[in-house]
C-alpha atoms as a PDB file:
ATOM      1  CA  MET A   1      24.773  51.479  71.454  1.00  0.00           C
ATOM      2  CA  ASN A   2      26.676  48.451  72.680  1.00  0.00           C
ATOM      3  CA  ASN A   3      23.759  46.200  73.584  1.00  0.00           C
ATOM      4  CA  ASP A   4      22.411  44.104  70.712  1.00  0.00           C
ATOM      5  CA  SER A   5      19.183  43.386  72.558  1.00  0.00           C
ATOM      6  CA  GLN A   6      18.328  47.068  73.067  1.00  0.00           C
ATOM      7  CA  ARG A   7      15.140  48.673  71.718  1.00  0.00           C
ATOM      8  CA  PHE A   8      15.250  50.985  68.774  1.00  0.00           C
ATOM      9  CA  TYR A   9      12.577  53.366  69.971  1.00  0.00           C
ATOM     10  CA  LEU A  10      11.793  54.963  66.604  1.00  0.00           C
ATOM     11  CA  LEU A  11      11.470  51.513  65.031  1.00  0.00           C
ATOM     12  CA  ASP A  12       8.988  50.631  67.756  1.00  0.00           C
ATOM     13  CA  LEU A  13       7.074  53.833  67.058  1.00  0.00           C
ATOM     14  CA  GLN A  14       7.100  53.031  63.341  1.00  0.00           C
ATOM     15  CA  LYS A  15       5.797  49.517  64.027  1.00  0.00           C
ATOM     16  CA  LEU A  16       2.908  50.852  66.157  1.00  0.00           C
ATOM     17  CA  ILE A  17       1.875  53.450  63.555  1.00  0.00           C
ATOM     18  CA  VAL A  18       1.863  50.817  60.855  1.00  0.00           C
ATOM     19  CA  LEU A  19      -0.030  48.408  63.119  1.00  0.00           C
ATOM     20  CA  LEU A  20      -2.684  51.001  63.875  1.00  0.00           C
ATOM     21  CA  ALA A  21      -3.118  51.584  60.142  1.00  0.00           C
ATOM     22  CA  ILE A  22      -3.347  47.811  59.486  1.00  0.00           C
ATOM     23  CA  GLN A  23      -6.014  47.354  62.186  1.00  0.00           C
ATOM     24  CA  THR A  24      -7.893  50.375  60.784  1.00  0.00           C
ATOM     25  CA  LEU A  25      -8.040  48.906  57.298  1.00  0.00           C
ATOM     26  CA  HIS A  26      -8.703  45.373  58.477  1.00  0.00           C
ATOM     27  CA  VAL A  27     -11.636  46.251  60.667  1.00  0.00           C
ATOM     28  CA  TRP A  28     -13.610  47.519  57.687  1.00  0.00           C
ATOM     29  CA  GLU A  29     -12.513  44.498  55.594  1.00  0.00           C
ATOM     30  CA  PHE A  30     -13.538  42.027  58.303  1.00  0.00           C
ATOM     31  CA  ILE A  31     -16.829  43.600  59.347  1.00  0.00           C
ATOM     32  CA  PHE A  32     -18.257  44.967  56.079  1.00  0.00           C
ATOM     33  CA  PHE A  33     -16.029  43.487  53.351  1.00  0.00           C
ATOM     34  CA  GLU A  34     -16.828  46.307  50.896  1.00  0.00           C
ATOM     35  CA  ASP A  35     -14.201  47.885  48.674  1.00  0.00           C
ATOM     36  CA  LEU A  36     -15.457  51.417  49.359  1.00  0.00           C
ATOM     37  CA  PHE A  37     -16.203  53.183  52.622  1.00  0.00           C
ATOM     38  CA  THR A  38     -19.995  53.565  52.627  1.00  0.00           C
ATOM     39  CA  LEU A  39     -20.913  53.925  56.301  1.00  0.00           C
ATOM     40  CA  ASP A  40     -23.205  56.919  56.988  1.00  0.00           C
ATOM     41  CA  SER A  41     -21.543  59.731  58.949  1.00  0.00           C
ATOM     42  CA  SER A  42     -24.337  59.510  61.549  1.00  0.00           C
ATOM     43  CA  LEU A  43     -23.162  56.006  62.424  1.00  0.00           C
ATOM     44  CA  SER A  44     -19.428  56.619  62.613  1.00  0.00           C
ATOM     45  CA  VAL A  45     -17.509  59.733  63.618  1.00  0.00           C
ATOM     46  CA  VAL A  46     -14.157  58.340  64.723  1.00  0.00           C
ATOM     47  CA  TYR A  47     -13.371  55.788  62.046  1.00  0.00           C
ATOM     48  CA  ASP A  48     -13.602  57.928  58.874  1.00  0.00           C
ATOM     49  CA  PRO A  49     -10.667  60.310  59.621  1.00  0.00           C
ATOM     50  CA  PHE A  50      -8.536  57.413  60.841  1.00  0.00           C
ATOM     51  CA  ASN A  51      -9.372  55.509  57.686  1.00  0.00           C
ATOM     52  CA  LYS A  52      -8.122  58.402  55.563  1.00  0.00           C
ATOM     53  CA  ILE A  53      -4.888  58.641  57.538  1.00  0.00           C
ATOM     54  CA  SER A  54      -4.344  54.894  57.528  1.00  0.00           C
ATOM     55  CA  ARG A  55      -4.590  54.758  53.746  1.00  0.00           C
ATOM     56  CA  CYS A  56      -1.281  56.610  53.669  1.00  0.00           C
ATOM     57  CA  PHE A  57       0.124  53.383  55.226  1.00  0.00           C
ATOM     58  CA  ALA A  58      -1.838  50.920  53.106  1.00  0.00           C
ATOM     59  CA  ASN A  59       1.447  49.162  52.268  1.00  0.00           C
ATOM     60  CA  GLY A  60       1.949  48.653  55.987  1.00  0.00           C
ATOM     61  CA  GLY A  61       2.031  44.882  55.732  1.00  0.00           C
ATOM     62  CA  GLN A  62       5.238  44.983  53.645  1.00  0.00           C
ATOM     63  CA  VAL A  63       6.696  47.654  55.910  1.00  0.00           C
ATOM     64  CA  LEU A  64       5.945  45.580  59.047  1.00  0.00           C
ATOM     65  CA  VAL A  65       7.450  42.405  57.592  1.00  0.00           C
ATOM     66  CA  GLY A  66      10.529  44.417  56.647  1.00  0.00           C
ATOM     67  CA  ILE A  67      10.978  45.742  60.221  1.00  0.00           C
ATOM     68  CA  ILE A  68      10.317  42.368  61.833  1.00  0.00           C
ATOM     69  CA  PHE A  69      12.781  40.453  59.683  1.00  0.00           C
ATOM     70  CA  PHE A  70      15.363  43.222  59.947  1.00  0.00           C
ATOM     71  CA  LEU A  71      15.228  42.830  63.723  1.00  0.00           C
ATOM     72  CA  PHE A  72      15.402  39.033  63.422  1.00  0.00           C
ATOM     73  CA  GLY A  73      18.658  39.454  61.493  1.00  0.00           C
ATOM     74  CA  TYR A  74      20.004  42.174  63.771  1.00  0.00           C
ATOM     75  CA  ARG A  75      19.331  40.155  66.897  1.00  0.00           C
ATOM     76  CA  HIS A  76      21.049  37.148  65.266  1.00  0.00           C
ATOM     77  CA  LYS A  77      18.207  34.754  65.850  1.00  0.00           C
ATOM     78  CA  SER A  78      19.542  31.262  66.221  1.00  0.00           C
ATOM     79  CA  ARG A  79      18.090  28.316  64.274  1.00  0.00           C
ATOM     80  CA  SER A  80      16.266  27.141  67.387  1.00  0.00           C
ATOM     81  CA  GLU A  81      14.749  30.625  67.907  1.00  0.00           C
ATOM     82  CA  LEU A  82      13.673  30.757  64.269  1.00  0.00           C
ATOM     83  CA  LEU A  83      12.159  27.263  64.645  1.00  0.00           C
ATOM     84  CA  THR A  84      10.173  28.481  67.646  1.00  0.00           C
ATOM     85  CA  ILE A  85       8.848  31.400  65.568  1.00  0.00           C
ATOM     86  CA  THR A  86       7.971  28.962  62.772  1.00  0.00           C
ATOM     87  CA  ALA A  87       5.994  26.792  65.176  1.00  0.00           C
ATOM     88  CA  PHE A  88       4.192  29.768  66.694  1.00  0.00           C
ATOM     89  CA  ALA A  89       3.278  31.143  63.271  1.00  0.00           C
ATOM     90  CA  PHE A  90       2.023  27.753  62.123  1.00  0.00           C
ATOM     91  CA  LEU A  91      -0.064  27.447  65.314  1.00  0.00           C
ATOM     92  CA  GLY A  92      -1.400  30.994  64.769  1.00  0.00           C
ATOM     93  CA  GLN A  93      -2.558  30.052  61.264  1.00  0.00           C
ATOM     94  CA  MET A  94      -4.283  26.965  62.607  1.00  0.00           C
ATOM     95  CA  ILE A  95      -6.082  29.021  65.247  1.00  0.00           C
ATOM     96  CA  LEU A  96      -7.203  31.553  62.671  1.00  0.00           C
ATOM     97  CA  GLY A  97      -8.479  28.655  60.504  1.00  0.00           C
ATOM     98  CA  LEU A  98     -10.660  27.489  63.350  1.00  0.00           C
ATOM     99  CA  VAL A  99     -11.857  31.009  64.183  1.00  0.00           C
ATOM    100  CA  PHE A 100     -12.915  31.758  60.651  1.00  0.00           C
ATOM    101  CA  SER A 101     -14.278  28.351  59.690  1.00  0.00           C
ATOM    102  CA  SER A 102     -17.868  28.424  58.590  1.00  0.00           C
ATOM    103  CA  ASP A 103     -18.828  25.037  59.979  1.00  0.00           C
ATOM    104  CA  GLY A 104     -16.319  24.430  62.747  1.00  0.00           C
ATOM    105  CA  ALA A 105     -14.091  22.444  60.401  1.00  0.00           C
ATOM    106  CA  LEU A 106     -10.480  23.581  60.270  1.00  0.00           C
ATOM    107  CA  LEU A 107     -10.045  23.137  56.554  1.00  0.00           C
ATOM    108  CA  SER A 108     -12.988  25.398  55.650  1.00  0.00           C
ATOM    109  CA  GLY A 109     -11.338  28.332  57.465  1.00  0.00           C
ATOM    110  CA  LEU A 110      -7.771  27.797  56.315  1.00  0.00           C
ATOM    111  CA  GLU A 111      -6.231  30.102  53.740  1.00  0.00           C
ATOM    112  CA  TRP A 112      -2.754  31.294  52.904  1.00  0.00           C
ATOM    113  CA  ASP A 113      -2.078  34.495  54.887  1.00  0.00           C
ATOM    114  CA  ILE A 114       0.494  36.302  56.999  1.00  0.00           C
ATOM    115  CA  TYR A 115       1.088  33.614  59.645  1.00  0.00           C
ATOM    116  CA  ALA A 116       1.566  30.855  57.082  1.00  0.00           C
ATOM    117  CA  PHE A 117       3.950  33.149  55.203  1.00  0.00           C
ATOM    118  CA  ILE A 118       6.003  33.913  58.323  1.00  0.00           C
ATOM    119  CA  ALA A 119       6.127  30.187  59.152  1.00  0.00           C
ATOM    120  CA  LEU A 120       7.539  29.402  55.717  1.00  0.00           C
ATOM    121  CA  ALA A 121       9.935  32.368  55.721  1.00  0.00           C
ATOM    122  CA  THR A 122      11.450  31.558  59.122  1.00  0.00           C
ATOM    123  CA  LEU A 123      11.632  27.872  58.249  1.00  0.00           C
ATOM    124  CA  LEU A 124      13.657  28.657  55.101  1.00  0.00           C
ATOM    125  CA  LEU A 125      15.880  31.125  56.945  1.00  0.00           C
ATOM    126  CA  GLN A 126      17.083  28.262  59.088  1.00  0.00           C
ATOM    127  CA  LEU A 127      18.874  26.979  55.987  1.00  0.00           C
ATOM    128  CA  PHE A 128      20.972  30.125  55.738  1.00  0.00           C
ATOM    129  CA  PRO A 129      24.568  29.587  56.912  1.00  0.00           C
ATOM    130  CA  MET A 130      25.030  31.593  60.121  1.00  0.00           C
ATOM    131  CA  ASP A 131      28.099  33.388  58.756  1.00  0.00           C
ATOM    132  CA  ARG A 132      26.506  34.234  55.394  1.00  0.00           C
ATOM    133  CA  ARG A 133      23.259  35.754  56.521  1.00  0.00           C
ATOM    134  CA  GLY A 134      24.354  39.323  55.781  1.00  0.00           C
ATOM    135  CA  SER A 135      25.701  38.378  52.387  1.00  0.00           C
ATOM    136  CA  PRO A 136      25.446  41.133  49.726  1.00  0.00           C
ATOM    137  CA  PHE A 137      24.608  38.379  47.246  1.00  0.00           C
ATOM    138  CA  ILE A 138      21.411  37.555  49.192  1.00  0.00           C
ATOM    139  CA  MET A 139      20.484  41.189  49.348  1.00  0.00           C
ATOM    140  CA  VAL A 140      21.018  41.859  45.653  1.00  0.00           C
ATOM    141  CA  LEU A 141      19.238  38.674  44.568  1.00  0.00           C
ATOM    142  CA  SER A 142      16.317  39.430  46.840  1.00  0.00           C
ATOM    143  CA  PHE A 143      16.051  43.014  45.542  1.00  0.00           C
ATOM    144  CA  LEU A 144      16.095  41.761  41.944  1.00  0.00           C
ATOM    145  CA  LEU A 145      13.324  39.236  42.668  1.00  0.00           C
ATOM    146  CA  LEU A 146      11.207  42.079  44.087  1.00  0.00           C
ATOM    147  CA  CYS A 147      11.730  44.004  40.850  1.00  0.00           C
ATOM    148  CA  ILE A 148       9.961  41.266  38.846  1.00  0.00           C
ATOM    149  CA  PRO A 149       6.308  42.139  38.290  1.00  0.00           C
ATOM    150  CA  THR A 150       3.997  39.744  40.129  1.00  0.00           C
ATOM    151  CA  SER A 151       1.978  39.301  36.938  1.00  0.00           C
ATOM    152  CA  LEU A 152       4.856  37.350  35.449  1.00  0.00           C
ATOM    153  CA  TRP A 153       4.786  34.728  38.212  1.00  0.00           C
ATOM    154  CA  GLN A 154       1.007  34.496  37.953  1.00  0.00           C
ATOM    155  CA  SER A 155       0.919  34.128  34.157  1.00  0.00           C
ATOM    156  CA  HIS A 156       3.784  31.668  33.781  1.00  0.00           C
ATOM    157  CA  LEU A 157       3.240  29.243  36.648  1.00  0.00           C
ATOM    158  CA  PRO A 158       0.815  26.310  36.021  1.00  0.00           C
ATOM    159  CA  GLU A 159      -2.782  26.331  37.190  1.00  0.00           C
ATOM    160  CA  GLY A 160      -3.743  24.844  40.564  1.00  0.00           C
ATOM    161  CA  LEU A 161      -4.056  25.813  44.198  1.00  0.00           C
ATOM    162  CA  ILE A 162      -0.369  25.306  45.060  1.00  0.00           C
ATOM    163  CA  PHE A 163       0.765  27.533  42.205  1.00  0.00           C
ATOM    164  CA  ASP A 164      -2.009  30.015  42.999  1.00  0.00           C
ATOM    165  CA  ILE A 165      -0.585  30.370  46.521  1.00  0.00           C
ATOM    166  CA  LEU A 166       2.992  30.397  45.284  1.00  0.00           C
ATOM    167  CA  SER A 167       2.363  33.260  42.853  1.00  0.00           C
ATOM    168  CA  GLY A 168      -0.423  35.102  44.605  1.00  0.00           C
ATOM    169  CA  ARG A 169      -2.822  34.315  41.832  1.00  0.00           C
ATOM    170  CA  ARG A 170      -6.357  35.024  43.068  1.00  0.00           C
ATOM    171  CA  SER A 171      -8.688  32.035  42.777  1.00  0.00           C
ATOM    172  CA  SER A 172     -11.623  30.413  44.505  1.00  0.00           C
ATOM    173  CA  GLY A 173      -9.237  28.741  46.955  1.00  0.00           C
ATOM    174  CA  ASN A 174      -6.725  31.565  47.410  1.00  0.00           C
ATOM    175  CA  PRO A 175      -7.333  35.274  48.241  1.00  0.00           C
ATOM    176  CA  GLY A 176      -3.935  36.271  46.815  1.00  0.00           C
ATOM    177  CA  ALA A 177      -2.177  37.358  50.016  1.00  0.00           C
ATOM    178  CA  TRP A 178       1.540  36.989  50.810  1.00  0.00           C
ATOM    179  CA  ALA A 179       2.636  34.943  47.828  1.00  0.00           C
ATOM    180  CA  PRO A 180       6.056  33.303  48.451  1.00  0.00           C
ATOM    181  CA  LEU A 181       6.976  34.632  45.025  1.00  0.00           C
ATOM    182  CA  PRO A 182       8.041  37.405  45.455  1.00  0.00           C
ATOM    183  CA  TRP A 183       7.462  38.228  49.148  1.00  0.00           C
ATOM    184  CA  LEU A 184       9.871  35.681  50.582  1.00  0.00           C
ATOM    185  CA  ALA A 185      12.504  37.894  48.955  1.00  0.00           C
ATOM    186  CA  LEU A 186      11.323  40.812  51.068  1.00  0.00           C
ATOM    187  CA  SER A 187      11.861  38.853  54.313  1.00  0.00           C
ATOM    188  CA  PHE A 188      15.245  37.559  53.123  1.00  0.00           C
ATOM    189  CA  LEU A 189      16.353  41.070  52.068  1.00  0.00           C
ATOM    190  CA  PHE A 190      15.574  42.732  55.386  1.00  0.00           C
ATOM    191  CA  PHE A 191      16.833  39.755  57.410  1.00  0.00           C
ATOM    192  CA  SER A 192      20.171  40.038  55.609  1.00  0.00           C
ATOM    193  CA  LEU A 193      20.178  43.822  56.068  1.00  0.00           C
ATOM    194  CA  GLY A 194      19.662  43.321  59.784  1.00  0.00           C
ATOM    195  CA  ASP A 195      22.555  40.893  60.054  1.00  0.00           C
ATOM    196  CA  TYR A 196      24.758  43.193  57.923  1.00  0.00           C
ATOM    197  CA  PHE A 197      23.944  46.081  60.220  1.00  0.00           C
ATOM    198  CA  ARG A 198      24.802  43.962  63.277  1.00  0.00           C
ATOM    199  CA  LYS A 199      28.218  43.130  61.832  1.00  0.00           C
ATOM    200  CA  HIS A 200      29.003  46.692  60.695  1.00  0.00           C
ATOM    201  CA  LYS A 201      27.168  48.617  63.383  1.00  0.00           C
ATOM    202  CA  SER A 202      30.103  50.782  64.391  1.00  0.00           C
ATOM    203  CA  GLU A 203      30.196  52.232  60.867  1.00  0.00           C
ATOM    204  CA  LEU A 204      26.437  52.357  60.196  1.00  0.00           C
ATOM    205  CA  ILE A 205      25.306  54.119  63.377  1.00  0.00           C
ATOM    206  CA  ARG A 206      26.843  57.295  61.933  1.00  0.00           C
ATOM    207  CA  TRP A 207      25.442  59.413  59.143  1.00  0.00           C
ATOM    208  CA  HIS A 208      27.830  59.459  56.195  1.00  0.00           C
ATOM    209  CA  PRO A 209      28.222  62.621  54.086  1.00  0.00           C
ATOM    210  CA  LEU A 210      27.263  60.794  50.888  1.00  0.00           C
ATOM    211  CA  GLU A 211      23.856  59.991  52.414  1.00  0.00           C
ATOM    212  CA  SER A 212      23.091  63.724  52.426  1.00  0.00           C
ATOM    213  CA  ILE A 213      23.116  63.531  48.635  1.00  0.00           C
ATOM    214  CA  ILE A 214      21.683  60.040  48.016  1.00  0.00           C
ATOM    215  CA  TRP A 215      18.653  60.145  50.306  1.00  0.00           C
ATOM    216  CA  PRO A 216      17.280  63.518  49.085  1.00  0.00           C
ATOM    217  CA  LEU A 217      17.690  62.414  45.481  1.00  0.00           C
ATOM    218  CA  LEU A 218      15.893  59.120  46.086  1.00  0.00           C
ATOM    219  CA  LEU A 219      13.075  60.738  48.077  1.00  0.00           C
ATOM    220  CA  ILE A 220      12.539  63.465  45.464  1.00  0.00           C
ATOM    221  CA  ALA A 221      12.451  60.846  42.723  1.00  0.00           C
ATOM    222  CA  SER A 222       9.765  58.960  44.646  1.00  0.00           C
ATOM    223  CA  LEU A 223       7.442  61.936  45.068  1.00  0.00           C
ATOM    224  CA  PRO A 224       5.407  61.437  41.870  1.00  0.00           C
ATOM    225  CA  PHE A 225       4.492  57.914  42.927  1.00  0.00           C
ATOM    226  CA  LEU A 226       3.738  58.397  46.623  1.00  0.00           C
ATOM    227  CA  GLY A 227       0.115  57.756  47.598  1.00  0.00           C
ATOM    228  CA  ALA A 228      -0.353  55.021  45.029  1.00  0.00           C
ATOM    229  CA  TYR A 229      -1.752  52.768  47.758  1.00  0.00           C
ATOM    230  CA  PHE A 230      -4.250  55.353  49.043  1.00  0.00           C
ATOM    231  CA  SER A 231      -7.104  53.967  46.918  1.00  0.00           C
ATOM    232  CA  THR A 232      -6.588  50.408  48.186  1.00  0.00           C
ATOM    233  CA  PRO A 233     -10.030  48.639  48.179  1.00  0.00           C
ATOM    234  CA  LEU A 234     -10.931  47.197  51.549  1.00  0.00           C
ATOM    235  CA  GLY A 235     -13.205  44.349  50.421  1.00  0.00           C
ATOM    236  CA  PRO A 236     -12.924  41.455  47.933  1.00  0.00           C
ATOM    237  CA  ASN A 237     -10.144  43.185  45.940  1.00  0.00           C
ATOM    238  CA  TYR A 238      -7.960  44.148  48.888  1.00  0.00           C
ATOM    239  CA  TYR A 239      -5.195  41.570  48.454  1.00  0.00           C
ATOM    240  CA  ALA A 240      -5.282  41.643  44.650  1.00  0.00           C
ATOM    241  CA  PHE A 241      -4.574  45.365  44.756  1.00  0.00           C
ATOM    242  CA  ALA A 242      -2.150  45.582  47.717  1.00  0.00           C
ATOM    243  CA  PHE A 243       0.147  42.779  46.611  1.00  0.00           C
ATOM    244  CA  ASN A 244       0.260  43.417  42.868  1.00  0.00           C
ATOM    245  CA  ARG A 245       1.511  46.963  42.432  1.00  0.00           C
ATOM    246  CA  PRO A 246       4.249  47.467  39.865  1.00  0.00           C
ATOM    247  CA  PRO A 247       7.813  47.268  41.232  1.00  0.00           C
ATOM    248  CA  HIS A 248       8.456  50.997  40.870  1.00  0.00           C
ATOM    249  CA  ILE A 249       5.305  51.711  42.913  1.00  0.00           C
ATOM    250  CA  LEU A 250       6.347  49.175  45.538  1.00  0.00           C
ATOM    251  CA  TRP A 251       9.809  50.613  46.019  1.00  0.00           C
ATOM    252  CA  THR A 252       8.981  54.316  45.802  1.00  0.00           C
ATOM    253  CA  ASN A 253       6.291  53.843  48.475  1.00  0.00           C
ATOM    254  CA  LEU A 254       8.585  51.755  50.645  1.00  0.00           C
ATOM    255  CA  LEU A 255      11.347  54.280  50.429  1.00  0.00           C
ATOM    256  CA  PRO A 256      10.102  56.783  53.029  1.00  0.00           C
ATOM    257  CA  HIS A 257       9.680  53.877  55.518  1.00  0.00           C
ATOM    258  CA  ILE A 258      13.194  52.637  54.762  1.00  0.00           C
ATOM    259  CA  PHE A 259      14.503  56.171  55.320  1.00  0.00           C
ATOM    260  CA  TRP A 260      12.689  56.283  58.702  1.00  0.00           C
ATOM    261  CA  MET A 261      14.385  52.933  59.556  1.00  0.00           C
ATOM    262  CA  ARG A 262      17.742  54.407  58.581  1.00  0.00           C
ATOM    263  CA  LEU A 263      17.251  57.416  60.850  1.00  0.00           C
ATOM    264  CA  ALA A 264      16.107  55.183  63.733  1.00  0.00           C
ATOM    265  CA  LEU A 265      19.434  53.296  63.661  1.00  0.00           C
ATOM    266  CA  LEU A 266      21.618  56.407  63.953  1.00  0.00           C
ATOM    267  CA  GLU A 267      23.336  56.750  67.329  1.00  0.00           C
ATOM    268  CA  PRO A 268      22.444  60.429  67.951  1.00  0.00           C
ATOM    269  CA  VAL A 269      18.780  59.766  67.098  1.00  0.00           C
ATOM    270  CA  GLN A 270      18.688  56.692  69.330  1.00  0.00           C
ATOM    271  CA  LYS A 271      20.261  58.579  72.232  1.00  0.00           C
ATOM    272  CA  LYS A 272      17.765  61.361  71.939  1.00  0.00           C
ATOM    273  CA  ALA A 273      14.845  58.956  71.672  1.00  0.00           C
ATOM    274  CA  SER A 274      16.062  57.073  74.764  1.00  0.00           C
ATOM    275  CA  HIS A 275      15.271  60.185  76.842  1.00  0.00           C
ATOM    276  CA  SER A 276      11.598  60.160  75.877  1.00  0.00           C
ATOM    277  CA  ASN A 277       9.379  58.520  78.499  1.00  0.00           C
ATOM    278  CA  PHE A 278       6.603  58.312  75.948  1.00  0.00           C
ATOM    279  CA  LEU A 279       8.737  56.307  73.524  1.00  0.00           C
ATOM    280  CA  LYS A 280       9.887  54.074  76.355  1.00  0.00           C
ATOM    281  CA  TRP A 281       6.298  53.411  77.302  1.00  0.00           C
ATOM    282  CA  LEU A 282       5.424  52.542  73.724  1.00  0.00           C
ATOM    283  CA  SER A 283       8.356  50.135  73.646  1.00  0.00           C
ATOM    284  CA  ARG A 284       6.990  48.294  76.671  1.00  0.00           C
ATOM    285  CA  LEU A 285       3.635  47.552  75.060  1.00  0.00           C
ATOM    286  CA  HIS A 286       2.938  43.962  74.106  1.00  0.00           C
ATOM    287  CA  TRP A 287       2.054  45.190  70.618  1.00  0.00           C
ATOM    288  CA  THR A 288       5.779  46.016  70.455  1.00  0.00           C
ATOM    289  CA  ARG A 289       7.451  43.298  72.471  1.00  0.00           C
ATOM    290  CA  HIS A 290       5.090  40.403  71.833  1.00  0.00           C
ATOM    291  CA  LEU A 291       3.756  41.440  68.442  1.00  0.00           C
ATOM    292  CA  GLY A 292       2.901  37.907  67.238  1.00  0.00           C
ATOM    293  CA  THR A 293       0.610  37.217  70.227  1.00  0.00           C
ATOM    294  CA  ALA A 294      -1.007  40.682  70.232  1.00  0.00           C
ATOM    295  CA  TYR A 295      -1.617  40.599  66.474  1.00  0.00           C
ATOM    296  CA  LEU A 296      -3.148  37.122  66.672  1.00  0.00           C
ATOM    297  CA  LEU A 297      -5.484  38.234  69.472  1.00  0.00           C
ATOM    298  CA  GLY A 298      -6.454  41.312  67.484  1.00  0.00           C
ATOM    299  CA  ILE A 299      -7.410  39.163  64.482  1.00  0.00           C
ATOM    300  CA  ILE A 300      -9.403  36.817  66.671  1.00  0.00           C
ATOM    301  CA  TYR A 301     -11.226  39.810  68.154  1.00  0.00           C
ATOM    302  CA  LEU A 302     -11.950  41.059  64.662  1.00  0.00           C
ATOM    303  CA  GLY A 303     -13.399  37.608  63.890  1.00  0.00           C
ATOM    304  CA  PHE A 304     -15.655  38.037  66.924  1.00  0.00           C
ATOM    305  CA  GLY A 305     -16.828  41.394  65.596  1.00  0.00           C
ATOM    306  CA  MET A 306     -17.838  39.811  62.281  1.00  0.00           C
ATOM    307  CA  ASN A 307     -20.871  38.336  64.034  1.00  0.00           C
ATOM    308  CA  PHE A 308     -22.252  41.838  64.576  1.00  0.00           C
ATOM    309  CA  GLU A 309     -22.076  43.287  61.087  1.00  0.00           C
ATOM    310  CA  LYS A 310     -25.783  44.222  61.042  1.00  0.00           C
ATOM    311  CA  GLU A 311     -25.675  45.979  64.436  1.00  0.00           C
ATOM    312  CA  MET A 312     -22.498  47.904  63.541  1.00  0.00           C
ATOM    313  CA  GLY A 313     -24.100  49.078  60.367  1.00  0.00           C
ATOM    314  CA  THR A 314     -27.238  50.389  62.073  1.00  0.00           C
ATOM    315  CA  ILE A 315     -26.440  51.411  65.704  1.00  0.00           C
ATOM    316  CA  PRO A 316     -24.701  54.823  65.919  1.00  0.00           C
ATOM    317  CA  GLY A 317     -21.264  54.678  67.452  1.00  0.00           C
ATOM    318  CA  LEU A 318     -21.066  50.885  67.828  1.00  0.00           C
ATOM    319  CA  PHE A 319     -18.558  50.462  64.986  1.00  0.00           C
ATOM    320  CA  ASP A 320     -16.414  53.272  66.414  1.00  0.00           C
ATOM    321  CA  VAL A 321     -16.388  51.673  69.869  1.00  0.00           C
ATOM    322  CA  PHE A 322     -15.424  48.326  68.446  1.00  0.00           C
ATOM    323  CA  TYR A 323     -12.698  49.856  66.288  1.00  0.00           C
ATOM    324  CA  VAL A 324     -11.173  51.851  69.168  1.00  0.00           C
ATOM    325  CA  SER A 325     -11.208  48.763  71.390  1.00  0.00           C
ATOM    326  CA  ILE A 326      -9.236  46.426  69.105  1.00  0.00           C
ATOM    327  CA  MET A 327      -5.684  47.260  70.139  1.00  0.00           C
ATOM    328  CA  PRO A 328      -6.420  47.748  73.862  1.00  0.00           C
ATOM    329  CA  VAL A 329      -8.300  44.425  74.043  1.00  0.00           C
ATOM    330  CA  ALA A 330      -5.433  42.586  72.307  1.00  0.00           C
ATOM    331  CA  GLU A 331      -2.908  44.339  74.564  1.00  0.00           C
ATOM    332  CA  ILE A 332      -4.723  43.339  77.753  1.00  0.00           C
ATOM    333  CA  GLY A 333      -5.290  39.771  76.434  1.00  0.00           C
ATOM    334  CA  SER A 334      -1.604  39.379  75.665  1.00  0.00           C
ATOM    335  CA  ARG A 335      -0.630  40.642  79.098  1.00  0.00           C
ATOM    336  CA  ILE A 336      -3.007  38.184  80.730  1.00  0.00           C
ATOM    337  CA  ILE A 337      -1.568  35.292  78.738  1.00  0.00           C
ATOM    338  CA  TYR A 338       2.052  36.170  79.665  1.00  0.00           C
ATOM    339  CA  TRP A 339       1.114  36.866  83.271  1.00  0.00           C
ATOM    340  CA  ALA A 340      -0.617  33.492  83.573  1.00  0.00           C
ATOM    341  CA  GLY A 341       2.323  31.776  81.919  1.00  0.00           C
ATOM    342  CA  GLY A 342       4.717  33.421  84.354  1.00  0.00           C
ATOM    343  CA  LEU A 343       2.440  32.548  87.268  1.00  0.00           C
ATOM    344  CA  ARG A 344       2.407  28.882  86.306  1.00  0.00           C
ATOM    345  CA  LYS A 345       6.194  28.868  86.127  1.00  0.00           C
ATOM    346  CA  THR A 346       6.600  30.365  89.604  1.00  0.00           C
ATOM    347  CA  ARG A 347       4.106  27.875  91.066  1.00  0.00           C
ATOM    348  CA  ALA A 348       5.625  24.862  89.350  1.00  0.00           C
ATOM    349  CA  PRO A 349       7.189  22.532  91.945  1.00  0.00           C
ATOM    350  CA  SER A 350      10.984  22.279  91.839  1.00  0.00           C
ATOM    351  CA  ARG A 351      12.548  18.951  91.006  1.00  0.00           C
END
């Protein structure tokens, strides 16, 4: 484990499972926008079981942000690299604004969501001193901020769109997704954890005896609260529910995912995973290596499917076909984009 740019195969697998769950929940939200699953079984055979499984990962957005920012910190992203991510995320939000605009006007389709959040988070991370990124102070402060109920931010900040976005307060101009307070703390926490792991990797790639006591106790303590996201509504109340669970629900349902991350970083686990051709293949997918592009294409494709809500609710199997095609279409689209970009570079005249 001496190459900082290497893949952590079980982290890649974790990302893909979470991404599949996110796409499963989003497709219903985008196409039908109903809180409850109401599609007749004669119209959909594939989606229903995947919907039930994916609800076990209904907090997948927080998990995915945690993994992404952990890897940003671990790979010691420079300020220029973070700025590139900021610019891409900002562009992604602009593209989504155009895709989902009702009248072709950018402003009518703009809302605060994941790409805007990532743009802000990576922009602010550029202010972190390079040698202080893995500071325990940042980690403790971020954890404490995530222990403050979101209702406190929403009830104490003034009225208005800016404060609605800042606190995640649902209003006519804000769906309530990815509020900077508190979710910036999530990105800062995992970014700092990634940098801390990079600096202390020789110690942390080994399982310490004390962990054999701490992890079972934590996981057992979390058992009564697991599954609290299973009933997440997938329509108008999706964001209000998913981003406003009490802190003890947030952390107890994040804990199994954090434990998975911990196992993925262990040297014996990584060595064993590196012998799996299947895991290596998964790590070569664009959904793994070029997640930002693939995810953006997947959302655009979902926007395309919104035009066929009536047909998907009446033609047997059509919704299933569309659902199954989301990730392959985005994968192929991303590969075409990067292939074309590489082709242009090789054909560019030398100077």
